Amino acid sequence: MAECQGYFQEEQNGKELEVNEYHIFGPSVFNIRIESWWGWMTTAQTGQWRELFQQYTDAGEFRRKNR
């Protein structure tokens, strides 16, 4: 996500930027709405996929750095 933000910022500014000029790493503890949205999204959408790929990983059928 940070890379995507950087791409758009660099295009808009017309110059290369350092990552700390366009992205803050860490939890957004003061933004309750976005944290609520992420919780909903994990439960309703992405959670099932994370579980599925974890099952594949546990069974030895999926490796993150599969070459």
PDB file of N, CA and C in Angstrom:
ATOM      1  N   MET A   1       0.828  -1.178   0.000  1.00  0.00           N
ATOM      2  CA  MET A   1       0.000   0.000   0.000  1.00  0.00           C
ATOM      3  C   MET A   1       0.878   1.249   0.000  1.00  0.00           C
ATOM      4  N   ALA A   2       1.949   1.211   0.782  1.00  0.00           N
ATOM      5  CA  ALA A   2       2.846   2.369   0.822  1.00  0.00           C
ATOM      6  C   ALA A   2       3.446   2.631  -0.555  1.00  0.00           C
ATOM      7  N   GLU A   3       3.787   1.563  -1.260  1.00  0.00           N
ATOM      8  CA  GLU A   3       4.363   1.717  -2.599  1.00  0.00           C
ATOM      9  C   GLU A   3       3.367   2.373  -3.542  1.00  0.00           C
ATOM     10  N   CYS A   4       2.114   1.969  -3.442  1.00  0.00           N
ATOM     11  CA  CYS A   4       1.061   2.557  -4.277  1.00  0.00           C
ATOM     12  C   CYS A   4       0.884   4.040  -3.951  1.00  0.00           C
ATOM     13  N   GLN A   5       0.844   4.374  -2.662  1.00  0.00           N
ATOM     14  CA  GLN A   5       0.732   5.773  -2.264  1.00  0.00           C
ATOM     15  C   GLN A   5       1.911   6.579  -2.807  1.00  0.00           C
ATOM     16  N   GLY A   6       3.097   6.005  -2.721  1.00  0.00           N
ATOM     17  CA  GLY A   6       4.285   6.681  -3.215  1.00  0.00           C
ATOM     18  C   GLY A   6       4.217   6.955  -4.699  1.00  0.00           C
ATOM     19  N   TYR A   7       3.760   5.984  -5.451  1.00  0.00           N
ATOM     20  CA  TYR A   7       3.649   6.153  -6.897  1.00  0.00           C
ATOM     21  C   TYR A   7       2.768   7.352  -7.228  1.00  0.00           C
ATOM     22  N   PHE A   8       1.580   7.409  -6.608  1.00  0.00           N
ATOM     23  CA  PHE A   8       0.661   8.504  -6.903  1.00  0.00           C
ATOM     24  C   PHE A   8       1.209   9.849  -6.438  1.00  0.00           C
ATOM     25  N   GLN A   9       1.840   9.892  -5.284  1.00  0.00           N
ATOM     26  CA  GLN A   9       2.409  11.142  -4.784  1.00  0.00           C
ATOM     27  C   GLN A   9       3.540  11.625  -5.686  1.00  0.00           C
ATOM     28  N   GLU A  10       4.393  10.698  -6.119  1.00  0.00           N
ATOM     29  CA  GLU A  10       5.500  11.081  -6.993  1.00  0.00           C
ATOM     30  C   GLU A  10       4.993  11.589  -8.340  1.00  0.00           C
ATOM     31  N   GLU A  11       3.948  10.941  -8.864  1.00  0.00           N
ATOM     32  CA  GLU A  11       3.356  11.408 -10.115  1.00  0.00           C
ATOM     33  C   GLU A  11       2.780  12.812  -9.945  1.00  0.00           C
ATOM     34  N   GLN A  12       2.118  13.032  -8.837  1.00  0.00           N
ATOM     35  CA  GLN A  12       1.500  14.335  -8.592  1.00  0.00           C
ATOM     36  C   GLN A  12       2.550  15.424  -8.383  1.00  0.00           C
ATOM     37  N   ASN A  13       3.617  15.100  -7.674  1.00  0.00           N
ATOM     38  CA  ASN A  13       4.647  16.092  -7.360  1.00  0.00           C
ATOM     39  C   ASN A  13       5.726  16.200  -8.440  1.00  0.00           C
ATOM     40  N   GLY A  14       5.784  15.232  -9.333  1.00  0.00           N
ATOM     41  CA  GLY A  14       6.758  15.274 -10.407  1.00  0.00           C
ATOM     42  C   GLY A  14       8.189  15.050  -9.955  1.00  0.00           C
ATOM     43  N   LYS A  15       8.362  14.392  -8.819  1.00  0.00           N
ATOM     44  CA  LYS A  15       9.714  14.088  -8.334  1.00  0.00           C
ATOM     45  C   LYS A  15       9.675  12.870  -7.436  1.00  0.00           C
ATOM     46  N   GLU A  16      10.840  12.254  -7.264  1.00  0.00           N
ATOM     47  CA  GLU A  16      10.962  11.095  -6.400  1.00  0.00           C
ATOM     48  C   GLU A  16      10.948  11.536  -4.940  1.00  0.00           C
ATOM     49  N   LEU A  17      10.229  10.792  -4.106  1.00  0.00           N
ATOM     50  CA  LEU A  17      10.080  11.138  -2.698  1.00  0.00           C
ATOM     51  C   LEU A  17      10.599  10.019  -1.805  1.00  0.00           C
ATOM     52  N   GLU A  18      10.980  10.372  -0.609  1.00  0.00           N
ATOM     53  CA  GLU A  18      11.327   9.379   0.405  1.00  0.00           C
ATOM     54  C   GLU A  18      10.032   8.827   0.986  1.00  0.00           C
ATOM     55  N   VAL A  19      10.040   7.577   1.396  1.00  0.00           N
ATOM     56  CA  VAL A  19       8.827   6.940   1.897  1.00  0.00           C
ATOM     57  C   VAL A  19       8.217   7.698   3.076  1.00  0.00           C
ATOM     58  N   ASN A  20       9.036   8.294   3.921  1.00  0.00           N
ATOM     59  CA  ASN A  20       8.495   9.024   5.078  1.00  0.00           C
ATOM     60  C   ASN A  20       7.849  10.352   4.683  1.00  0.00           C
ATOM     61  N   GLU A  21       7.937  10.727   3.420  1.00  0.00           N
ATOM     62  CA  GLU A  21       7.280  11.943   2.953  1.00  0.00           C
ATOM     63  C   GLU A  21       5.824  11.709   2.545  1.00  0.00           C
ATOM     64  N   TYR A  22       5.432  10.445   2.397  1.00  0.00           N
ATOM     65  CA  TYR A  22       4.070  10.185   1.964  1.00  0.00           C
ATOM     66  C   TYR A  22       3.362   9.080   2.743  1.00  0.00           C
ATOM     67  N   HIS A  23       4.042   8.409   3.656  1.00  0.00           N
ATOM     68  CA  HIS A  23       3.403   7.309   4.364  1.00  0.00           C
ATOM     69  C   HIS A  23       3.860   7.266   5.817  1.00  0.00           C
ATOM     70  N   ILE A  24       2.922   7.003   6.715  1.00  0.00           N
ATOM     71  CA  ILE A  24       3.233   6.822   8.132  1.00  0.00           C
ATOM     72  C   ILE A  24       2.979   5.356   8.458  1.00  0.00           C
ATOM     73  N   PHE A  25       3.993   4.669   8.952  1.00  0.00           N
ATOM     74  CA  PHE A  25       3.853   3.263   9.307  1.00  0.00           C
ATOM     75  C   PHE A  25       3.412   3.146  10.760  1.00  0.00           C
ATOM     76  N   GLY A  26       2.524   2.195  11.027  1.00  0.00           N
ATOM     77  CA  GLY A  26       2.052   1.963  12.385  1.00  0.00           C
ATOM     78  C   GLY A  26       0.536   1.924  12.427  1.00  0.00           C
ATOM     79  N   PRO A  27      -0.010   1.583  13.577  1.00  0.00           N
ATOM     80  CA  PRO A  27      -1.463   1.494  13.698  1.00  0.00           C
ATOM     81  C   PRO A  27      -2.101   2.875  13.713  1.00  0.00           C
ATOM     82  N   SER A  28      -3.307   2.942  13.211  1.00  0.00           N
ATOM     83  CA  SER A  28      -4.048   4.202  13.225  1.00  0.00           C
ATOM     84  C   SER A  28      -4.975   4.200  14.440  1.00  0.00           C
ATOM     85  N   VAL A  29      -4.397   4.270  15.621  1.00  0.00           N
ATOM     86  CA  VAL A  29      -5.162   4.112  16.858  1.00  0.00           C
ATOM     87  C   VAL A  29      -6.126   5.261  17.119  1.00  0.00           C
ATOM     88  N   PHE A  30      -5.935   6.397  16.474  1.00  0.00           N
ATOM     89  CA  PHE A  30      -6.815   7.533  16.693  1.00  0.00           C
ATOM     90  C   PHE A  30      -7.933   7.616  15.655  1.00  0.00           C
ATOM     91  N   ASN A  31      -7.947   6.713  14.723  1.00  0.00           N
ATOM     92  CA  ASN A  31      -8.959   6.740  13.681  1.00  0.00           C
ATOM     93  C   ASN A  31      -9.901   5.553  13.861  1.00  0.00           C
ATOM     94  N   ILE A  32     -10.903   5.731  14.667  1.00  0.00           N
ATOM     95  CA  ILE A  32     -11.807   4.653  15.030  1.00  0.00           C
ATOM     96  C   ILE A  32     -12.601   4.150  13.829  1.00  0.00           C
ATOM     97  N   ARG A  33     -13.009   5.042  12.933  1.00  0.00           N
ATOM     98  CA  ARG A  33     -13.803   4.609  11.784  1.00  0.00           C
ATOM     99  C   ARG A  33     -13.043   3.657  10.879  1.00  0.00           C
ATOM    100  N   ILE A  34     -11.795   3.980  10.573  1.00  0.00           N
ATOM    101  CA  ILE A  34     -11.045   3.099   9.670  1.00  0.00           C
ATOM    102  C   ILE A  34     -10.724   1.783  10.357  1.00  0.00           C
ATOM    103  N   GLU A  35     -10.447   1.815  11.647  1.00  0.00           N
ATOM    104  CA  GLU A  35     -10.195   0.564  12.373  1.00  0.00           C
ATOM    105  C   GLU A  35     -11.451  -0.301  12.376  1.00  0.00           C
ATOM    106  N   SER A  36     -12.606   0.318  12.529  1.00  0.00           N
ATOM    107  CA  SER A  36     -13.871  -0.410  12.481  1.00  0.00           C
ATOM    108  C   SER A  36     -14.076  -1.012  11.095  1.00  0.00           C
ATOM    109  N   TRP A  37     -13.779  -0.242  10.060  1.00  0.00           N
ATOM    110  CA  TRP A  37     -13.933  -0.719   8.686  1.00  0.00           C
ATOM    111  C   TRP A  37     -13.013  -1.898   8.422  1.00  0.00           C
ATOM    112  N   TRP A  38     -11.752  -1.811   8.869  1.00  0.00           N
ATOM    113  CA  TRP A  38     -10.809  -2.917   8.667  1.00  0.00           C
ATOM    114  C   TRP A  38     -11.296  -4.168   9.389  1.00  0.00           C
ATOM    115  N   GLY A  39     -11.851  -3.984  10.594  1.00  0.00           N
ATOM    116  CA  GLY A  39     -12.389  -5.127  11.322  1.00  0.00           C
ATOM    117  C   GLY A  39     -13.530  -5.787  10.568  1.00  0.00           C
ATOM    118  N   TRP A  40     -14.433  -4.963  10.024  1.00  0.00           N
ATOM    119  CA  TRP A  40     -15.538  -5.499   9.245  1.00  0.00           C
ATOM    120  C   TRP A  40     -15.020  -6.213   8.001  1.00  0.00           C
ATOM    121  N   MET A  41     -14.077  -5.591   7.302  1.00  0.00           N
ATOM    122  CA  MET A  41     -13.559  -6.170   6.063  1.00  0.00           C
ATOM    123  C   MET A  41     -12.886  -7.516   6.327  1.00  0.00           C
ATOM    124  N   THR A  42     -12.127  -7.596   7.415  1.00  0.00           N
ATOM    125  CA  THR A  42     -11.470  -8.859   7.752  1.00  0.00           C
ATOM    126  C   THR A  42     -12.502  -9.939   8.039  1.00  0.00           C
ATOM    127  N   THR A  43     -13.525  -9.581   8.784  1.00  0.00           N
ATOM    128  CA  THR A  43     -14.562 -10.550   9.128  1.00  0.00           C
ATOM    129  C   THR A  43     -15.387 -10.948   7.910  1.00  0.00           C
ATOM    130  N   ALA A  44     -15.816  -9.966   7.135  1.00  0.00           N
ATOM    131  CA  ALA A  44     -16.749 -10.221   6.044  1.00  0.00           C
ATOM    132  C   ALA A  44     -16.090 -10.647   4.738  1.00  0.00           C
ATOM    133  N   GLN A  45     -14.841 -10.244   4.503  1.00  0.00           N
ATOM    134  CA  GLN A  45     -14.246 -10.467   3.188  1.00  0.00           C
ATOM    135  C   GLN A  45     -12.926 -11.232   3.222  1.00  0.00           C
ATOM    136  N   THR A  46     -11.923 -10.671   3.851  1.00  0.00           N
ATOM    137  CA  THR A  46     -10.580 -11.231   3.720  1.00  0.00           C
ATOM    138  C   THR A  46     -10.263 -12.332   4.714  1.00  0.00           C
ATOM    139  N   GLY A  47     -10.993 -12.400   5.811  1.00  0.00           N
ATOM    140  CA  GLY A  47     -10.721 -13.407   6.834  1.00  0.00           C
ATOM    141  C   GLY A  47     -10.778 -14.821   6.299  1.00  0.00           C
ATOM    142  N   GLN A  48     -11.772 -15.097   5.459  1.00  0.00           N
ATOM    143  CA  GLN A  48     -11.911 -16.448   4.911  1.00  0.00           C
ATOM    144  C   GLN A  48     -10.714 -16.828   4.048  1.00  0.00           C
ATOM    145  N   TRP A  49     -10.174 -15.861   3.304  1.00  0.00           N
ATOM    146  CA  TRP A  49      -9.022 -16.149   2.448  1.00  0.00           C
ATOM    147  C   TRP A  49      -7.765 -16.346   3.271  1.00  0.00           C
ATOM    148  N   ARG A  50      -7.612 -15.542   4.309  1.00  0.00           N
ATOM    149  CA  ARG A  50      -6.458 -15.708   5.191  1.00  0.00           C
ATOM    150  C   ARG A  50      -6.475 -17.093   5.830  1.00  0.00           C
ATOM    151  N   GLU A  51      -7.649 -17.535   6.274  1.00  0.00           N
ATOM    152  CA  GLU A  51      -7.778 -18.867   6.872  1.00  0.00           C
ATOM    153  C   GLU A  51      -7.470 -19.961   5.860  1.00  0.00           C
ATOM    154  N   LEU A  52      -7.987 -19.808   4.641  1.00  0.00           N
ATOM    155  CA  LEU A  52      -7.752 -20.798   3.605  1.00  0.00           C
ATOM    156  C   LEU A  52      -6.263 -20.946   3.303  1.00  0.00           C
ATOM    157  N   PHE A  53      -5.575 -19.805   3.109  1.00  0.00           N
ATOM    158  CA  PHE A  53      -4.147 -19.877   2.809  1.00  0.00           C
ATOM    159  C   PHE A  53      -3.338 -20.351   4.008  1.00  0.00           C
ATOM    160  N   GLN A  54      -3.815 -20.091   5.207  1.00  0.00           N
ATOM    161  CA  GLN A  54      -3.140 -20.622   6.389  1.00  0.00           C
ATOM    162  C   GLN A  54      -3.269 -22.138   6.422  1.00  0.00           C
ATOM    163  N   GLN A  55      -4.437 -22.649   6.055  1.00  0.00           N
ATOM    164  CA  GLN A  55      -4.626 -24.102   5.982  1.00  0.00           C
ATOM    165  C   GLN A  55      -3.711 -24.716   4.928  1.00  0.00           C
ATOM    166  N   TYR A  56      -3.591 -24.056   3.772  1.00  0.00           N
ATOM    167  CA  TYR A  56      -2.668 -24.537   2.737  1.00  0.00           C
ATOM    168  C   TYR A  56      -1.234 -24.543   3.248  1.00  0.00           C
ATOM    169  N   THR A  57      -0.858 -23.484   3.942  1.00  0.00           N
ATOM    170  CA  THR A  57       0.498 -23.381   4.484  1.00  0.00           C
ATOM    171  C   THR A  57       0.743 -24.487   5.494  1.00  0.00           C
ATOM    172  N   ASP A  58      -0.200 -24.700   6.405  1.00  0.00           N
ATOM    173  CA  ASP A  58      -0.057 -25.734   7.436  1.00  0.00           C
ATOM    174  C   ASP A  58       0.052 -27.124   6.828  1.00  0.00           C
ATOM    175  N   ALA A  59      -0.632 -27.333   5.698  1.00  0.00           N
ATOM    176  CA  ALA A  59      -0.598 -28.634   5.019  1.00  0.00           C
ATOM    177  C   ALA A  59       0.616 -28.781   4.112  1.00  0.00           C
ATOM    178  N   GLY A  60       1.449 -27.732   4.003  1.00  0.00           N
ATOM    179  CA  GLY A  60       2.633 -27.784   3.155  1.00  0.00           C
ATOM    180  C   GLY A  60       2.345 -27.599   1.684  1.00  0.00           C
ATOM    181  N   GLU A  61       1.151 -27.117   1.354  1.00  0.00           N
ATOM    182  CA  GLU A  61       0.753 -26.946  -0.038  1.00  0.00           C
ATOM    183  C   GLU A  61       0.971 -25.530  -0.561  1.00  0.00           C
ATOM    184  N   PHE A  62       1.363 -24.631   0.298  1.00  0.00           N
ATOM    185  CA  PHE A  62       1.573 -23.228  -0.106  1.00  0.00           C
ATOM    186  C   PHE A  62       2.782 -22.685   0.633  1.00  0.00           C
ATOM    187  N   ARG A  63       3.648 -22.046  -0.124  1.00  0.00           N
ATOM    188  CA  ARG A  63       4.817 -21.394   0.462  1.00  0.00           C
ATOM    189  C   ARG A  63       4.865 -19.990  -0.074  1.00  0.00           C
ATOM    190  N   ARG A  64       5.073 -19.025   0.802  1.00  0.00           N
ATOM    191  CA  ARG A  64       5.090 -17.610   0.387  1.00  0.00           C
ATOM    192  C   ARG A  64       6.131 -17.342  -0.679  1.00  0.00           C
ATOM    193  N   LYS A  65       7.279 -17.952  -0.565  1.00  0.00           N
ATOM    194  CA  LYS A  65       8.355 -17.701  -1.532  1.00  0.00           C
ATOM    195  C   LYS A  65       8.508 -18.915  -2.434  1.00  0.00           C
ATOM    196  N   ASN A  66       7.417 -19.300  -3.034  1.00  0.00           N
ATOM    197  CA  ASN A  66       7.398 -20.448  -3.914  1.00  0.00           C
ATOM    198  C   ASN A  66       8.090 -20.096  -5.228  1.00  0.00           C
ATOM    199  N   ARG A  67       9.138 -20.826  -5.546  1.00  0.00           N
ATOM    200  CA  ARG A  67       9.883 -20.533  -6.778  1.00  0.00           C
ATOM    201  C   ARG A  67       9.906 -21.687  -7.698  1.00  0.00           C
TER     202      ARG A  67
END
